[in-house]
Amino acid sequence: MTPVTTLSNHDFAGLGAPDLVYVREISAADVLADVPADEAAQLSIDPEQTLFAVHGADGQRLAIMADRESAFAAAVAHELEPVSVH
């Protein structure tokens, strides 16, 4: 039997691709849930809207963009290597 190894978020971030980021769809409602209520009230985002989040290899959300192309462009502009996650 192969032993099970548990990797931390930090371990994942250091796995040979420190500049690798992933882009995935996220609902605007999920984003709004993470924003303090007073700040969320100032945003004009439809909770039903689909947004695109850029995440580091450790899972940390780095950016949220209105469309997939902008998310990839922002990653490349910051010298990161974006990949898509479905």
Protein backbone atom coordinates (compact mmCIF):
# COMPACT_ATOMS: atom_id res chain seq x y z
CA MET A 1 0.00 0.00 0.00
CA THR A 2 1.32 3.44 -0.93
CA PRO A 3 1.58 5.84 2.01
CA VAL A 4 -0.66 8.88 1.87
CA THR A 5 1.13 12.22 1.85
CA THR A 6 -0.70 15.37 2.81
CA LEU A 7 0.47 18.59 1.19
CA SER A 8 -0.22 22.00 2.65
CA ASN A 9 -1.24 25.03 0.58
CA HIS A 10 2.34 26.24 0.91
CA ASP A 11 3.60 22.90 -0.45
CA PHE A 12 1.33 23.19 -3.49
CA ALA A 13 2.54 26.73 -4.15
CA GLY A 14 6.12 25.53 -4.30
CA LEU A 15 5.64 22.54 -6.58
CA GLY A 16 7.91 23.61 -9.41
CA ALA A 17 5.63 26.32 -10.77
CA PRO A 18 5.57 29.32 -8.43
CA ASP A 19 4.23 31.52 -11.24
CA LEU A 20 1.35 29.20 -12.10
CA VAL A 21 -2.15 30.54 -11.39
CA TYR A 22 -5.53 29.11 -12.24
CA VAL A 23 -8.63 30.84 -13.53
CA ARG A 24 -12.09 29.57 -12.70
CA GLU A 25 -15.68 30.73 -12.77
CA ILE A 26 -17.14 32.10 -9.56
CA SER A 27 -20.61 33.44 -8.88
CA ALA A 28 -20.95 37.10 -8.01
CA ALA A 29 -23.08 36.04 -5.02
CA ASP A 30 -20.08 34.16 -3.59
CA VAL A 31 -17.87 37.21 -4.08
CA LEU A 32 -20.42 39.50 -2.45
CA ALA A 33 -20.68 37.12 0.51
CA ASP A 34 -16.95 37.66 1.16
CA VAL A 35 -17.20 41.46 1.11
CA PRO A 36 -18.27 43.46 4.19
CA ALA A 37 -21.91 44.55 3.85
CA ASP A 38 -21.14 48.30 3.74
CA GLU A 39 -18.65 47.75 0.89
CA ALA A 40 -20.93 45.30 -0.97
CA ALA A 41 -23.67 47.94 -1.01
CA GLN A 42 -21.37 50.22 -3.05
CA LEU A 43 -20.77 47.58 -5.74
CA SER A 44 -23.02 47.36 -8.77
CA ILE A 45 -22.75 43.62 -9.35
CA ASP A 46 -25.67 41.37 -10.23
CA PRO A 47 -25.52 38.44 -7.75
CA GLU A 48 -26.57 36.12 -10.60
CA GLN A 49 -23.57 37.19 -12.71
CA THR A 50 -20.68 34.83 -13.41
CA LEU A 51 -17.23 36.28 -12.73
CA PHE A 52 -13.75 34.81 -13.15
CA ALA A 53 -11.30 34.47 -10.28
CA VAL A 54 -7.53 34.16 -10.53
CA HIS A 55 -6.07 31.93 -7.80
CA GLY A 56 -2.50 31.20 -6.80
CA ALA A 57 -1.29 27.61 -6.60
CA ASP A 58 -1.99 27.72 -2.87
CA GLY A 59 -5.67 28.51 -3.54
CA GLN A 60 -5.51 32.15 -2.50
CA ARG A 61 -7.82 34.34 -4.58
CA LEU A 62 -5.66 36.99 -6.22
CA ALA A 63 -8.13 38.80 -8.49
CA ILE A 64 -11.69 38.79 -9.75
CA MET A 65 -12.49 39.87 -13.27
CA ALA A 66 -15.69 40.29 -15.28
CA ASP A 67 -14.66 37.87 -18.03
CA ARG A 68 -12.28 35.01 -18.70
CA GLU A 69 -10.16 36.92 -21.21
CA SER A 70 -9.55 39.75 -18.73
CA ALA A 71 -8.58 37.25 -16.02
CA PHE A 72 -6.01 35.62 -18.31
CA ALA A 73 -4.72 39.00 -19.51
CA ALA A 74 -4.31 40.27 -15.93
CA ALA A 75 -2.35 37.15 -14.98
CA VAL A 76 -0.05 37.47 -18.00
CA ALA A 77 0.41 41.20 -17.34
CA HIS A 78 1.73 40.28 -13.90
CA GLU A 79 4.13 37.72 -15.40
CA LEU A 80 2.07 34.74 -14.20
CA GLU A 81 1.20 31.58 -16.14
CA PRO A 82 -2.60 31.15 -16.16
CA VAL A 83 -4.38 27.83 -16.65
CA SER A 84 -8.11 27.18 -16.80
CA VAL A 85 -9.94 25.09 -14.22
CA HIS A 86 -13.39 23.71 -14.97
